[in-house]
């Protein structure tokens, strides 16, 4: 049994002398299973009470292009800020990750997320829904029912260092208890029904890069804790952005965007010949889909392991004993709905309603559709050491006039990855080149998200 009496005077005095209102000091949910030592129980409950220091988060910026939920304005077209879509939320966790210096040798309570006893000292915030405002990146926390905003506070007892983790989109474990799992001291989120429109995003704060307290006597004020925030606020000419935790986000999926064009004509033909032939056949793309999309995924939101080689923070896995795939339709640009069947491919004003069989694509702002998928190399949660060599299959259904009536041809294209593979957090423009209803190939063009390049892997 751990001995707490030696810190009772040190911590208990601080608890009672903090400047707080009665509401600020409202206790968290009490421990349901009493400790063997009533004094220990009383101290833990007391230390877990709200301090006067509210938890405030900032949001760092992500690099790259994508459809919602990444939005915002910037002078740099490759650089945009994070904000949540209307009706969607981040899921935020505030978790104890280590002890403050004074308590390292004789820890007052075990850091065990899996067996947390609701003291609020180890798992301070658990899957709290939050929104991020466009522009300034300010984070607003909500109650679990999302009916109103709610404040959360650092605990009075400055025993622990805390860090913040987040994922998007938020899932309600009370509606579906399969989604949120605390296992082996990790926080896991399971996505059972990926449809190709969701953008799975993971975020973490970085206390190691936080500006330290200036006072050399602040042994027990490492980020993040009530004491750290309190002491930083008291420093002269300090601004909030210098000390509040900032979440930095990563996309965990690959975005594919699709374009359809007439393949390059031969040297003996004029550039528009193939397009005119396709128009003459009344050729239309009537369906596009991935036939073997990986659809069951799991995200490690947080991992207590500090060893970089073994830490799995932010790792995405496919979930299950075997790799599950399903047919997923290409999505409408800017929407969550399937592109086909539905509105035809955007019309070319010169082709009287035919698909946009253009001779060249220089503007990648108006794709036929998109889909968000796990990197094909994603590993299985039960076989994390086994490399996955999955290749996505793109199917196009082309309808055309055969001369004796309407005919349909289905063409399968393997989305073979470029050198280095399809990387999470990057957008690949898949240019589908159509020579005829039977002869179709593809080329992948990487839009920059950081350093990028043009990657051909099909015949034009």
Protein backbone atom coordinates (compact mmCIF):
# COMPACT_ATOMS: atom_id res chain seq x y z
CA UNK A 1 0.00 0.00 0.00
CA UNK A 2 1.40 3.40 -0.93
CA UNK A 3 1.98 5.90 1.85
CA UNK A 4 0.42 9.32 1.27
CA UNK A 5 0.81 10.96 4.65
CA UNK A 6 4.18 12.52 3.80
CA UNK A 7 2.57 14.65 1.09
CA UNK A 8 -0.63 15.46 2.92
CA UNK A 9 0.80 18.61 4.43
CA UNK A 10 2.50 19.67 1.21
CA UNK A 11 -0.45 19.15 -1.09
CA UNK A 12 -3.37 19.52 1.26
CA UNK A 13 -2.29 22.99 2.31
CA UNK A 14 -2.05 24.05 -1.32
CA UNK A 15 -5.49 22.65 -1.97
CA UNK A 16 -7.15 24.79 0.64
CA UNK A 17 -5.26 27.98 -0.13
CA UNK A 18 -5.94 28.11 -3.91
CA UNK A 19 -8.07 31.11 -4.88
CA UNK A 20 -11.29 29.53 -6.13
CA UNK A 21 -15.02 29.98 -6.05
CA UNK A 22 -17.32 27.41 -4.50
CA UNK A 23 -18.37 26.25 -7.95
CA UNK A 24 -14.74 25.88 -9.07
CA UNK A 25 -14.09 23.57 -6.14
CA UNK A 26 -16.98 21.23 -6.84
CA UNK A 27 -15.69 17.69 -6.45
CA UNK A 28 -15.47 15.26 -9.33
CA UNK A 29 -17.35 11.97 -9.11
CA UNK A 30 -16.13 10.30 -5.88
CA UNK A 31 -14.30 7.01 -5.82
CA UNK A 32 -16.84 4.20 -5.91
CA UNK A 33 -14.57 1.62 -4.29
CA UNK A 34 -13.21 2.96 -0.98
CA UNK A 35 -9.49 2.69 -0.39
CA UNK A 36 -8.24 0.49 2.45
CA UNK A 37 -6.99 3.66 4.10
CA UNK A 38 -9.67 6.37 4.60
CA UNK A 39 -6.97 9.05 4.82
CA UNK A 40 -5.65 8.03 1.39
CA UNK A 41 -9.16 8.11 -0.05
CA UNK A 42 -9.85 11.54 1.40
CA UNK A 43 -6.61 12.93 0.03
CA UNK A 44 -7.20 11.57 -3.48
CA UNK A 45 -10.76 12.91 -3.55
CA UNK A 46 -9.52 16.27 -2.31
CA UNK A 47 -6.69 16.41 -4.85
CA UNK A 48 -9.07 15.59 -7.70
CA UNK A 49 -11.34 18.55 -7.00
CA UNK A 50 -11.43 21.35 -9.56
CA UNK A 51 -8.81 24.03 -9.18
CA UNK A 52 -9.58 27.57 -10.26
CA UNK A 53 -7.63 27.00 -13.51
CA UNK A 54 -9.84 26.14 -16.50
CA UNK A 55 -8.55 23.83 -19.19
CA UNK A 56 -8.03 25.81 -22.39
CA UNK A 57 -6.78 24.41 -25.68
CA UNK A 58 -5.42 25.95 -28.83
CA UNK A 59 -5.15 24.30 -32.21
CA UNK A 60 -2.08 24.21 -34.38
CA UNK A 61 -2.41 24.30 -38.15
CA UNK A 62 -2.30 21.47 -40.65
CA UNK A 63 -0.66 21.60 -44.04
CA UNK A 64 -2.51 20.58 -47.14
CA UNK A 65 -5.67 20.53 -49.16
CA UNK A 66 -8.73 18.49 -48.34
CA UNK A 67 -12.49 18.72 -48.33
CA UNK A 68 -14.19 19.52 -45.01
CA UNK A 69 -13.48 19.26 -42.09
CA UNK A 70 -10.21 21.05 -42.85
CA UNK A 71 -11.07 24.59 -43.85
CA UNK A 72 -10.11 28.19 -43.30
CA UNK A 73 -8.31 30.91 -45.22
CA UNK A 74 -4.62 31.49 -45.68
CA UNK A 75 -2.23 33.42 -47.91
CA UNK A 76 -0.49 30.13 -48.62
CA UNK A 77 -2.82 27.89 -50.68
CA UNK A 78 -1.12 24.80 -49.22
CA UNK A 79 -1.69 25.91 -45.63
CA UNK A 80 -5.07 25.90 -43.94
CA UNK A 81 -6.34 25.86 -40.36
CA UNK A 82 -8.41 23.26 -38.59
CA UNK A 83 -12.08 23.78 -37.85
CA UNK A 84 -14.93 21.37 -37.23
CA UNK A 85 -17.92 20.96 -39.50
CA UNK A 86 -21.36 21.96 -38.26
CA UNK A 87 -22.84 19.14 -36.19
CA UNK A 88 -19.52 17.31 -35.85
CA UNK A 89 -17.11 17.29 -32.93
CA UNK A 90 -13.62 16.45 -31.82
CA UNK A 91 -13.28 13.83 -29.12
CA UNK A 92 -10.84 15.17 -26.47
CA UNK A 93 -8.96 13.33 -23.74
CA UNK A 94 -6.91 14.86 -20.93
CA UNK A 95 -4.75 12.07 -19.51
CA UNK A 96 -2.07 11.88 -16.84
CA UNK A 97 1.17 10.85 -18.54
CA UNK A 98 3.79 11.28 -15.81
CA UNK A 99 4.40 12.56 -12.25
CA UNK A 100 5.62 15.98 -11.26
CA UNK A 101 9.21 15.98 -10.00
CA UNK A 102 8.30 15.98 -6.30
CA UNK A 103 6.30 12.75 -6.58
CA UNK A 104 8.41 10.65 -8.95
CA UNK A 105 10.16 8.66 -6.22
CA UNK A 106 6.98 7.81 -4.31
CA UNK A 107 4.00 8.13 -6.70
CA UNK A 108 0.75 8.98 -4.90
CA UNK A 109 -1.44 7.03 -7.36
CA UNK A 110 -0.78 4.64 -10.21
CA UNK A 111 -1.08 5.92 -13.78
CA UNK A 112 -3.37 3.32 -15.26
CA UNK A 113 -5.88 4.56 -17.82
CA UNK A 114 -7.45 1.14 -18.23
CA UNK A 115 -8.30 0.70 -14.54
CA UNK A 116 -8.98 4.35 -13.77
CA UNK A 117 -11.32 4.53 -10.77
CA UNK A 118 -13.06 7.78 -11.75
CA UNK A 119 -10.94 9.91 -9.43
CA UNK A 120 -10.35 12.36 -12.26
CA UNK A 121 -6.65 12.42 -11.49
CA UNK A 122 -5.62 9.90 -14.16
CA UNK A 123 -8.35 10.32 -16.79
CA UNK A 124 -9.26 13.97 -16.40
CA UNK A 125 -11.28 14.34 -19.60
CA UNK A 126 -12.73 11.30 -21.33
CA UNK A 127 -14.02 11.55 -24.89
CA UNK A 128 -15.32 15.08 -24.35
CA UNK A 129 -17.02 16.51 -27.48
CA UNK A 130 -15.52 19.80 -28.62
CA UNK A 131 -15.74 22.20 -31.54
CA UNK A 132 -13.00 24.24 -33.16
CA UNK A 133 -13.88 27.69 -34.48
CA UNK A 134 -12.78 28.71 -37.94
CA UNK A 135 -10.11 31.39 -38.05
CA UNK A 136 -8.77 31.55 -34.50
CA UNK A 137 -8.81 27.80 -33.78
CA UNK A 138 -10.43 28.26 -30.36
CA UNK A 139 -11.77 25.08 -28.77
CA UNK A 140 -15.13 24.90 -26.99
CA UNK A 141 -15.94 21.88 -24.82
CA UNK A 142 -19.48 20.48 -24.52
CA UNK A 143 -21.35 18.20 -22.19
CA UNK A 144 -21.70 14.64 -23.41
CA UNK A 145 -25.19 15.28 -24.78
CA UNK A 146 -23.83 18.27 -26.79
CA UNK A 147 -26.67 20.46 -25.51
CA UNK A 148 -24.45 23.17 -24.01
CA UNK A 149 -20.86 24.22 -23.53
CA UNK A 150 -19.12 23.03 -20.38
CA UNK A 151 -15.98 24.11 -18.56
CA UNK A 152 -13.36 21.64 -17.40
CA UNK A 153 -10.61 22.38 -14.86
CA UNK A 154 -7.21 21.11 -13.93
CA UNK A 155 -7.26 19.26 -10.59
CA UNK A 156 -6.15 20.94 -7.39
CA UNK A 157 -3.49 18.37 -6.66
CA UNK A 158 -0.45 19.12 -8.79
CA UNK A 159 0.78 15.55 -8.66
CA UNK A 160 0.60 14.80 -12.36
CA UNK A 161 1.66 16.07 -15.74
CA UNK A 162 -1.17 15.94 -18.26
CA UNK A 163 -1.29 15.77 -22.01
CA UNK A 164 -4.15 16.18 -24.46
CA UNK A 165 -5.23 13.87 -27.25
CA UNK A 166 -8.01 14.26 -29.78
CA UNK A 167 -9.58 12.47 -32.71
CA UNK A 168 -12.13 13.38 -35.37
CA UNK A 169 -14.95 12.75 -35.96
CA UNK A 170 -16.17 12.22 -32.38
CA UNK A 171 -18.02 8.97 -31.67
CA UNK A 172 -20.55 8.53 -28.87
CA UNK A 173 -19.59 5.45 -26.86
CA UNK A 174 -22.87 5.67 -24.94
CA UNK A 175 -24.82 5.12 -28.16
CA UNK A 176 -22.46 2.38 -29.35
CA UNK A 177 -20.27 0.95 -26.61
CA UNK A 178 -18.05 -0.81 -29.15
CA UNK A 179 -16.37 2.40 -30.27
CA UNK A 180 -14.35 3.52 -27.22
CA UNK A 181 -12.02 1.01 -25.59
CA UNK A 182 -9.41 1.40 -22.83
CA UNK A 183 -7.13 -1.62 -23.20
CA UNK A 184 -3.54 -2.33 -22.17
CA UNK A 185 -3.21 1.29 -21.05
CA UNK A 186 -4.18 2.58 -24.48
CA UNK A 187 -7.20 4.54 -25.68
CA UNK A 188 -8.68 3.00 -28.81
CA UNK A 189 -11.40 4.24 -31.15
CA UNK A 190 -13.02 1.79 -33.54
CA UNK A 191 -14.57 2.88 -36.80
CA UNK A 192 -16.86 0.09 -37.94
CA UNK A 193 -18.56 1.68 -40.91
CA UNK A 194 -16.16 3.63 -43.10
CA UNK A 195 -18.01 4.84 -46.19
CA UNK A 196 -15.28 6.80 -47.96
CA UNK A 197 -16.45 10.27 -46.92
CA UNK A 198 -15.10 10.46 -43.35
CA UNK A 199 -11.75 12.09 -42.72
CA UNK A 200 -10.17 10.41 -39.69
CA UNK A 201 -7.92 12.91 -37.94
CA UNK A 202 -5.76 12.53 -34.83
CA UNK A 203 -4.22 15.24 -32.68
CA UNK A 204 -1.86 15.56 -29.73
CA UNK A 205 -0.41 18.42 -27.70
CA UNK A 206 3.33 18.75 -27.21
CA UNK A 207 4.27 19.55 -23.59
CA UNK A 208 7.95 18.87 -24.32
CA UNK A 209 7.99 21.99 -26.50
CA UNK A 210 6.00 24.14 -24.07
CA UNK A 211 7.70 27.21 -22.67
CA UNK A 212 8.92 26.34 -19.14
CA UNK A 213 8.20 28.33 -16.03
CA UNK A 214 10.83 31.04 -15.58
CA UNK A 215 11.20 30.53 -11.82
CA UNK A 216 13.98 28.09 -10.93
CA UNK A 217 12.05 27.03 -7.83
CA UNK A 218 9.07 25.75 -9.86
CA UNK A 219 9.92 22.07 -9.53
CA UNK A 220 6.30 21.02 -9.45
CA UNK A 221 5.08 23.16 -12.33
CA UNK A 222 5.91 21.21 -15.46
CA UNK A 223 3.39 21.37 -18.30
CA UNK A 224 0.58 20.71 -18.13
CA UNK A 225 -0.95 21.33 -14.70
CA UNK A 226 -2.82 23.99 -12.77
CA UNK A 227 0.40 25.21 -11.17
CA UNK A 228 2.14 25.51 -14.53
CA UNK A 229 -0.69 27.60 -16.01
CA UNK A 230 -0.96 29.71 -12.85
CA UNK A 231 2.76 30.50 -12.76
CA UNK A 232 2.99 31.23 -16.48
CA UNK A 233 0.06 33.64 -16.29
CA UNK A 234 1.86 35.50 -13.49
CA UNK A 235 4.98 36.10 -15.57
CA UNK A 236 5.31 39.65 -16.95
CA UNK A 237 4.40 40.32 -20.56
CA UNK A 238 3.35 36.73 -21.20
CA UNK A 239 0.63 35.94 -23.73
CA UNK A 240 -1.72 32.98 -23.58
CA UNK A 241 -0.45 31.46 -26.82
CA UNK A 242 2.93 30.92 -25.12
CA UNK A 243 1.66 28.43 -22.55
CA UNK A 244 -1.73 26.92 -23.40
CA UNK A 245 -1.62 23.40 -24.87
CA UNK A 246 -1.91 23.32 -28.65
CA UNK A 247 -3.23 20.34 -30.55
CA UNK A 248 -1.41 19.41 -33.74
CA UNK A 249 -3.38 17.29 -36.16
CA UNK A 250 -2.58 14.57 -38.65
CA UNK A 251 -4.79 13.08 -41.35
CA UNK A 252 -4.80 9.30 -41.07
CA UNK A 253 -6.35 8.61 -44.48
CA UNK A 254 -5.38 9.11 -48.11
CA UNK A 255 -7.61 11.22 -50.33
CA UNK A 256 -8.08 10.18 -53.94
CA UNK A 257 -9.71 12.66 -56.33
CA UNK A 258 -10.84 11.53 -59.77
CA UNK A 259 -10.85 13.25 -63.15
CA UNK A 260 -11.90 11.88 -66.56
CA UNK A 261 -10.32 13.01 -69.80
CA UNK A 262 -9.72 11.84 -73.34
CA UNK A 263 -6.36 10.14 -73.65
CA UNK A 264 -3.69 11.81 -75.74
CA UNK A 265 -4.15 11.27 -79.42
CA UNK A 266 -1.38 9.75 -81.53
CA UNK A 267 0.97 11.99 -83.46
CA UNK A 268 -1.01 11.35 -86.63
CA UNK A 269 -4.24 12.60 -85.11
CA UNK A 270 -5.41 15.98 -84.02
CA UNK A 271 -5.63 16.44 -80.25
CA UNK A 272 -9.42 16.43 -80.20
CA UNK A 273 -9.96 13.24 -82.26
CA UNK A 274 -10.38 10.83 -79.35
CA UNK A 275 -12.71 13.18 -77.54
CA UNK A 276 -14.85 13.59 -80.67
CA UNK A 277 -14.99 9.82 -81.13
CA UNK A 278 -16.16 9.37 -77.53
CA UNK A 279 -18.78 12.04 -77.98
CA UNK A 280 -19.91 10.36 -81.18
CA UNK A 281 -20.45 7.15 -79.22
CA UNK A 282 -22.42 9.10 -76.61
CA UNK A 283 -19.95 7.63 -74.09
CA UNK A 284 -20.77 8.29 -70.46
CA UNK A 285 -19.19 7.14 -67.20
CA UNK A 286 -22.19 5.85 -65.24
CA UNK A 287 -20.42 4.47 -62.17
CA UNK A 288 -17.06 4.70 -60.38
CA UNK A 289 -16.21 2.78 -57.24
CA UNK A 290 -13.46 1.07 -55.28
CA UNK A 291 -14.23 -2.64 -55.26
CA UNK A 292 -12.01 -3.61 -52.32
CA UNK A 293 -11.93 -0.66 -49.91
CA UNK A 294 -10.62 -1.40 -46.41
CA UNK A 295 -13.59 -0.40 -44.30
CA UNK A 296 -13.04 -1.56 -40.69
CA UNK A 297 -10.42 0.56 -38.94
CA UNK A 298 -9.17 1.29 -35.44
CA UNK A 299 -7.26 4.36 -34.24
CA UNK A 300 -4.95 4.43 -31.23
CA UNK A 301 -5.79 7.81 -29.72
CA UNK A 302 -3.29 7.55 -26.86
CA UNK A 303 -0.66 5.13 -25.60
CA UNK A 304 1.11 5.31 -22.23
CA UNK A 305 4.28 3.74 -23.63
CA UNK A 306 6.90 6.48 -23.86
CA UNK A 307 9.48 4.49 -25.83
CA UNK A 308 9.37 5.95 -29.36
CA UNK A 309 9.92 2.57 -31.00
CA UNK A 310 6.97 1.00 -29.17
CA UNK A 311 4.64 3.99 -28.79
CA UNK A 312 1.54 3.68 -31.00
CA UNK A 313 0.03 7.16 -30.51
CA UNK A 314 -2.02 8.04 -33.60
CA UNK A 315 -1.51 4.67 -35.30
CA UNK A 316 -4.27 3.43 -37.61
CA UNK A 317 -4.91 -0.31 -38.00
CA UNK A 318 -7.39 -2.41 -39.87
CA UNK A 319 -9.61 -4.12 -37.36
CA UNK A 320 -10.58 -7.79 -37.13
CA UNK A 321 -8.99 -11.20 -37.49
CA UNK A 322 -8.95 -10.93 -41.27
CA UNK A 323 -8.78 -7.98 -43.66
CA UNK A 324 -12.32 -6.82 -44.43
CA UNK A 325 -13.06 -4.99 -47.67
CA UNK A 326 -16.21 -3.78 -49.38
CA UNK A 327 -17.38 -1.87 -52.44
CA UNK A 328 -17.43 1.88 -51.81
CA UNK A 329 -18.69 4.40 -54.32
CA UNK A 330 -16.81 7.54 -55.32
CA UNK A 331 -18.24 10.52 -53.40
CA UNK A 332 -19.67 13.73 -54.81
CA UNK A 333 -17.15 16.56 -54.69
CA UNK A 334 -17.72 18.54 -51.48
CA UNK A 335 -20.47 16.19 -50.26
CA UNK A 336 -20.86 12.99 -48.25
CA UNK A 337 -23.08 11.31 -50.84
CA UNK A 338 -22.21 8.78 -53.54
CA UNK A 339 -21.43 10.36 -56.91
CA UNK A 340 -23.15 7.61 -58.91
CA UNK A 341 -25.93 7.05 -59.67
CA UNK A 342 -27.01 10.65 -59.60
CA UNK A 343 -26.08 13.85 -61.33
CA UNK A 344 -24.05 13.17 -64.49
CA UNK A 345 -20.39 14.07 -64.77
CA UNK A 346 -20.06 17.87 -65.01
CA UNK A 347 -21.02 19.00 -68.50
CA UNK A 348 -18.61 20.43 -71.07
CA UNK A 349 -20.30 23.43 -72.66
CA UNK A 350 -19.08 22.33 -76.12
CA UNK A 351 -20.35 18.74 -75.90
CA UNK A 352 -24.07 19.23 -75.35
CA UNK A 353 -24.25 17.43 -72.04
CA UNK A 354 -21.62 14.76 -72.63
CA UNK A 355 -18.99 13.94 -70.02
CA UNK A 356 -16.02 16.23 -69.85
CA UNK A 357 -13.75 14.35 -72.23
CA UNK A 358 -11.13 17.09 -72.22
CA UNK A 359 -7.78 16.86 -74.01
CA UNK A 360 -5.80 18.08 -70.98
CA UNK A 361 -6.39 18.87 -67.32
CA UNK A 362 -4.68 21.91 -65.90
CA UNK A 363 -7.21 22.78 -63.20
CA UNK A 364 -7.62 20.27 -60.37
CA UNK A 365 -10.30 22.23 -58.54
CA UNK A 366 -13.34 20.41 -59.96
CA UNK A 367 -12.97 16.62 -59.71
CA UNK A 368 -15.63 14.14 -60.76
CA UNK A 369 -15.53 12.85 -57.19
CA UNK A 370 -13.30 11.74 -54.33
CA UNK A 371 -12.87 8.99 -51.76
CA UNK A 372 -10.98 8.85 -48.44
CA UNK A 373 -9.32 5.51 -47.72
CA UNK A 374 -6.74 4.02 -45.37
CA UNK A 375 -3.23 3.79 -46.81
CA UNK A 376 -3.05 0.39 -48.55
CA UNK A 377 -0.08 -0.47 -46.30
CA UNK A 378 -2.15 -0.16 -43.10
CA UNK A 379 -1.39 -3.06 -40.75
CA UNK A 380 -3.72 -5.34 -38.82
CA UNK A 381 -4.23 -4.68 -35.11
CA UNK A 382 -3.66 -8.39 -34.38
CA UNK A 383 -0.69 -8.61 -36.75
CA UNK A 384 1.03 -5.22 -36.37
CA UNK A 385 4.35 -6.54 -37.62
CA UNK A 386 2.99 -7.92 -40.89
CA UNK A 387 3.23 -5.59 -43.87
CA UNK A 388 0.06 -5.18 -45.93
CA UNK A 389 0.43 -5.17 -49.71
CA UNK A 390 -3.15 -4.30 -50.55
CA UNK A 391 -3.84 -2.71 -53.96
CA UNK A 392 -7.06 -0.78 -54.41
CA UNK A 393 -9.13 -1.61 -57.51
CA UNK A 394 -10.94 1.24 -59.23
CA UNK A 395 -13.90 0.25 -61.38
CA UNK A 396 -15.45 2.39 -64.11
CA UNK A 397 -18.71 1.58 -65.81
CA UNK A 398 -18.80 3.18 -69.27
CA UNK A 399 -22.04 3.32 -71.23
CA UNK A 400 -21.95 3.99 -74.98
CA UNK A 401 -23.87 3.61 -78.25
CA UNK A 402 -22.63 0.45 -79.98
CA UNK A 403 -24.50 1.16 -83.22
CA UNK A 404 -27.16 -1.43 -82.53
CA UNK A 405 -28.15 -0.07 -79.13
CA UNK A 406 -26.74 0.94 -75.76
CA UNK A 407 -23.89 -1.15 -74.41
CA UNK A 408 -21.94 -1.03 -71.13
CA UNK A 409 -18.35 -1.92 -70.39
CA UNK A 410 -16.82 -2.24 -66.89
CA UNK A 411 -13.11 -1.50 -66.69
CA UNK A 412 -10.95 -2.32 -63.64
CA UNK A 413 -7.83 -0.27 -62.88
CA UNK A 414 -5.30 -1.18 -60.21
CA UNK A 415 -4.25 1.90 -58.20
CA UNK A 416 -0.64 0.82 -58.00
CA UNK A 417 1.19 3.07 -55.56
CA UNK A 418 4.04 5.36 -56.55
CA UNK A 419 7.51 4.98 -55.07
CA UNK A 420 7.12 5.31 -51.31
CA UNK A 421 3.46 4.27 -51.42
CA UNK A 422 0.26 6.23 -50.99
CA UNK A 423 0.85 8.31 -47.88
CA UNK A 424 -1.71 9.30 -45.27
CA UNK A 425 -2.43 13.02 -45.24
CA UNK A 426 -1.80 13.49 -48.96
CA UNK A 427 -4.12 13.98 -51.92
CA UNK A 428 -3.65 12.07 -55.15
CA UNK A 429 -5.42 13.25 -58.27
CA UNK A 430 -6.31 10.18 -60.31
CA UNK A 431 -6.62 11.21 -63.94
CA UNK A 432 -8.60 8.54 -65.78
CA UNK A 433 -7.55 8.54 -69.43
CA UNK A 434 -10.12 7.13 -71.86
CA UNK A 435 -8.98 6.01 -75.31
CA UNK A 436 -12.21 4.15 -76.00
CA UNK A 437 -14.89 2.49 -73.86
CA UNK A 438 -12.58 -0.53 -73.63
CA UNK A 439 -9.19 1.19 -73.39
CA UNK A 440 -8.82 3.13 -70.15
CA UNK A 441 -5.75 3.88 -68.05
CA UNK A 442 -4.90 6.19 -65.17
CA UNK A 443 -2.22 8.58 -63.99
CA UNK A 444 -1.74 9.79 -60.41
CA UNK A 445 -0.72 13.38 -59.72
CA UNK A 446 0.25 14.31 -56.16
CA UNK A 447 -0.88 17.69 -54.92
CA UNK A 448 1.62 19.19 -52.55
CA UNK A 449 1.13 18.65 -48.83
CA UNK A 450 4.63 19.55 -47.93
CA UNK A 451 7.20 18.42 -50.52
CA UNK A 452 5.46 16.59 -53.37
CA UNK A 453 5.92 15.51 -56.96
CA UNK A 454 4.09 14.34 -60.07
CA UNK A 455 3.82 10.55 -60.10
CA UNK A 456 2.83 8.83 -63.36
CA UNK A 457 1.95 5.13 -63.11
CA UNK A 458 -0.36 4.57 -66.07
CA UNK A 459 -0.31 5.21 -69.81
CA UNK A 460 -1.78 8.43 -71.12
